[in-house]
Amino acid sequence: MDFLESVKCTFDNLPSYDEGNLVQAVQSLNLTFHEVSKYVTEPMDLEYGRNVIYKSENVEVIVIHLPSMARTLIHDHGLSIGCIFVVAGDFLNVLYKSEEKESNPIYD
């Protein structure tokens, strides 16, 4: 079975898409730089390359190539969950928390 077939089979057969199952699925792929490097894309419009290698109704598997010192824009994944597997190099994930402003109603 080739790499993309293995990814599809692994993620199509998950009992649920919670964090534990996602982490276990990614780890079960035994990812290597040699296999993943075929799907690395160089940055074009962003500071990083992004390649969706598998997508279903429940999950999206993406190979991200972050050159040294590259960053993503601050963004929100909403209610989705996910996991990151670093194949080569180091990765720093910074989380930002939105501070909601309290509304102070004006009464006359």
C-alpha atoms as a PDB file:
ATOM      1  CA  MET A   1       0.000   0.000   0.000  1.00  0.00           C
ATOM      2  CA  ASP A   2       1.455   3.387  -0.938  1.00  0.00           C
ATOM      3  CA  PHE A   3       1.672   6.356   1.419  1.00  0.00           C
ATOM      4  CA  LEU A   4      -1.496   8.193   0.306  1.00  0.00           C
ATOM      5  CA  GLU A   5      -3.541   4.966   0.383  1.00  0.00           C
ATOM      6  CA  SER A   6      -2.239   4.330   3.896  1.00  0.00           C
ATOM      7  CA  VAL A   7      -3.272   7.849   4.993  1.00  0.00           C
ATOM      8  CA  LYS A   8      -6.751   7.394   3.502  1.00  0.00           C
ATOM      9  CA  CYS A   9      -7.245   3.953   5.041  1.00  0.00           C
ATOM     10  CA  THR A  10      -6.028   5.116   8.453  1.00  0.00           C
ATOM     11  CA  PHE A  11      -8.291   8.172   8.654  1.00  0.00           C
ATOM     12  CA  ASP A  12     -11.332   6.594   6.999  1.00  0.00           C
ATOM     13  CA  ASN A  13     -11.419   3.849   9.633  1.00  0.00           C
ATOM     14  CA  LEU A  14     -11.276   5.898  12.828  1.00  0.00           C
ATOM     15  CA  PRO A  15     -14.076   5.152  15.300  1.00  0.00           C
ATOM     16  CA  SER A  16     -14.228   8.873  16.140  1.00  0.00           C
ATOM     17  CA  TYR A  17     -12.250  11.998  15.362  1.00  0.00           C
ATOM     18  CA  ASP A  18     -11.319  13.030  18.880  1.00  0.00           C
ATOM     19  CA  GLU A  19      -7.814  14.140  19.849  1.00  0.00           C
ATOM     20  CA  GLY A  20      -6.733  10.725  21.143  1.00  0.00           C
ATOM     21  CA  ASN A  21      -7.745   8.880  17.987  1.00  0.00           C
ATOM     22  CA  LEU A  22      -6.140  11.521  15.754  1.00  0.00           C
ATOM     23  CA  VAL A  23      -2.833  11.328  17.619  1.00  0.00           C
ATOM     24  CA  GLN A  24      -2.898   7.523  17.522  1.00  0.00           C
ATOM     25  CA  ALA A  25      -3.701   7.550  13.790  1.00  0.00           C
ATOM     26  CA  VAL A  26      -0.827   9.919  12.968  1.00  0.00           C
ATOM     27  CA  GLN A  27       1.606   7.895  15.082  1.00  0.00           C
ATOM     28  CA  SER A  28       0.490   4.652  13.410  1.00  0.00           C
ATOM     29  CA  LEU A  29       1.588   6.012  10.013  1.00  0.00           C
ATOM     30  CA  ASN A  30       5.257   5.855  11.121  1.00  0.00           C
ATOM     31  CA  LEU A  31       5.974   8.993   9.130  1.00  0.00           C
ATOM     32  CA  THR A  32       9.462   9.502   7.731  1.00  0.00           C
ATOM     33  CA  PHE A  33      11.015  12.517   6.084  1.00  0.00           C
ATOM     34  CA  HIS A  34      11.615  10.464   2.934  1.00  0.00           C
ATOM     35  CA  GLU A  35       7.898   9.653   2.531  1.00  0.00           C
ATOM     36  CA  VAL A  36       6.541  13.055   3.484  1.00  0.00           C
ATOM     37  CA  SER A  37       9.118  15.076   1.513  1.00  0.00           C
ATOM     38  CA  LYS A  38       7.397  14.051  -1.755  1.00  0.00           C
ATOM     39  CA  TYR A  39       4.393  16.176  -0.672  1.00  0.00           C
ATOM     40  CA  VAL A  40       6.261  19.260   0.562  1.00  0.00           C
ATOM     41  CA  THR A  41       5.386  22.415  -1.354  1.00  0.00           C
ATOM     42  CA  GLU A  42       7.439  25.577  -1.318  1.00  0.00           C
ATOM     43  CA  PRO A  43       5.876  28.825  -0.041  1.00  0.00           C
ATOM     44  CA  MET A  44       4.074  30.931  -2.631  1.00  0.00           C
ATOM     45  CA  ASP A  45       1.537  33.452  -1.291  1.00  0.00           C
ATOM     46  CA  LEU A  46       2.254  32.694   2.369  1.00  0.00           C
ATOM     47  CA  GLU A  47       5.441  32.272   4.412  1.00  0.00           C
ATOM     48  CA  TYR A  48       4.896  28.519   4.345  1.00  0.00           C
ATOM     49  CA  GLY A  49       3.990  25.779   1.895  1.00  0.00           C
ATOM     50  CA  ARG A  50       0.665  23.991   2.437  1.00  0.00           C
ATOM     51  CA  ASN A  51      -0.443  20.801   0.682  1.00  0.00           C
ATOM     52  CA  VAL A  52      -3.712  18.999   1.486  1.00  0.00           C
ATOM     53  CA  ILE A  53      -2.890  15.340   0.832  1.00  0.00           C
ATOM     54  CA  TYR A  54      -6.200  13.904   2.029  1.00  0.00           C
ATOM     55  CA  LYS A  55      -9.614  15.354   2.813  1.00  0.00           C
ATOM     56  CA  SER A  56     -12.921  13.789   3.809  1.00  0.00           C
ATOM     57  CA  GLU A  57     -16.084  15.015   5.478  1.00  0.00           C
ATOM     58  CA  ASN A  58     -14.438  14.453   8.883  1.00  0.00           C
ATOM     59  CA  VAL A  59     -10.740  15.116   8.506  1.00  0.00           C
ATOM     60  CA  GLU A  60      -8.099  16.985   6.536  1.00  0.00           C
ATOM     61  CA  VAL A  61      -4.468  15.841   6.387  1.00  0.00           C
ATOM     62  CA  ILE A  62      -2.049  18.616   5.452  1.00  0.00           C
ATOM     63  CA  VAL A  63       1.703  18.694   4.895  1.00  0.00           C
ATOM     64  CA  ILE A  64       3.019  22.075   6.007  1.00  0.00           C
ATOM     65  CA  HIS A  65       6.509  23.270   5.084  1.00  0.00           C
ATOM     66  CA  LEU A  66       7.691  26.053   7.380  1.00  0.00           C
ATOM     67  CA  PRO A  67      11.121  27.305   6.339  1.00  0.00           C
ATOM     68  CA  SER A  68      13.333  28.590   9.134  1.00  0.00           C
ATOM     69  CA  MET A  69      11.761  31.540  10.967  1.00  0.00           C
ATOM     70  CA  ALA A  70       8.537  31.375   8.894  1.00  0.00           C
ATOM     71  CA  ARG A  71       5.269  32.139  10.661  1.00  0.00           C
ATOM     72  CA  THR A  72       1.592  31.725  10.034  1.00  0.00           C
ATOM     73  CA  LEU A  73      -0.851  34.571  10.477  1.00  0.00           C
ATOM     74  CA  ILE A  74      -2.730  34.602  13.774  1.00  0.00           C
ATOM     75  CA  HIS A  75      -5.806  32.545  13.060  1.00  0.00           C
ATOM     76  CA  ASP A  76      -8.594  30.610  14.734  1.00  0.00           C
ATOM     77  CA  HIS A  77      -9.484  26.999  14.029  1.00  0.00           C
ATOM     78  CA  GLY A  78     -12.892  27.446  15.616  1.00  0.00           C
ATOM     79  CA  LEU A  79     -14.213  24.280  17.227  1.00  0.00           C
ATOM     80  CA  SER A  80     -12.028  21.946  15.169  1.00  0.00           C
ATOM     81  CA  ILE A  81      -9.322  19.851  16.799  1.00  0.00           C
ATOM     82  CA  GLY A  82      -6.123  18.520  15.381  1.00  0.00           C
ATOM     83  CA  CYS A  83      -2.610  17.398  15.991  1.00  0.00           C
ATOM     84  CA  ILE A  84       0.799  18.276  14.611  1.00  0.00           C
ATOM     85  CA  PHE A  85       3.540  15.790  13.843  1.00  0.00           C
ATOM     86  CA  VAL A  86       6.968  17.309  13.198  1.00  0.00           C
ATOM     87  CA  VAL A  87       8.846  15.150  10.699  1.00  0.00           C
ATOM     88  CA  ALA A  88      12.047  17.218  10.622  1.00  0.00           C
ATOM     89  CA  GLY A  89      13.252  20.256  12.560  1.00  0.00           C
ATOM     90  CA  ASP A  90      11.658  22.088  15.472  1.00  0.00           C
ATOM     91  CA  PHE A  91       8.280  23.756  15.790  1.00  0.00           C
ATOM     92  CA  LEU A  92       7.049  26.466  18.156  1.00  0.00           C
ATOM     93  CA  ASN A  93       3.285  26.814  18.520  1.00  0.00           C
ATOM     94  CA  VAL A  94       2.117  30.055  20.131  1.00  0.00           C
ATOM     95  CA  LEU A  95      -1.470  30.191  21.356  1.00  0.00           C
ATOM     96  CA  TYR A  96      -3.292  33.486  21.620  1.00  0.00           C
ATOM     97  CA  LYS A  97      -6.364  34.008  23.748  1.00  0.00           C
ATOM     98  CA  SER A  98      -8.952  36.551  22.723  1.00  0.00           C
ATOM     99  CA  GLU A  99     -10.035  38.858  25.501  1.00  0.00           C
ATOM    100  CA  GLU A 100     -13.719  39.641  25.130  1.00  0.00           C
ATOM    101  CA  LYS A 101     -14.587  43.237  26.015  1.00  0.00           C
ATOM    102  CA  GLU A 102     -17.333  43.583  28.571  1.00  0.00           C
ATOM    103  CA  SER A 103     -20.231  45.592  27.308  1.00  0.00           C
ATOM    104  CA  ASN A 104     -21.228  48.405  29.583  1.00  0.00           C
ATOM    105  CA  PRO A 105     -24.783  49.413  28.759  1.00  0.00           C
ATOM    106  CA  ILE A 106     -25.572  53.109  28.891  1.00  0.00           C
ATOM    107  CA  TYR A 107     -28.753  53.995  30.720  1.00  0.00           C
ATOM    108  CA  ASP A 108     -30.452  57.358  30.490  1.00  0.00           C
END
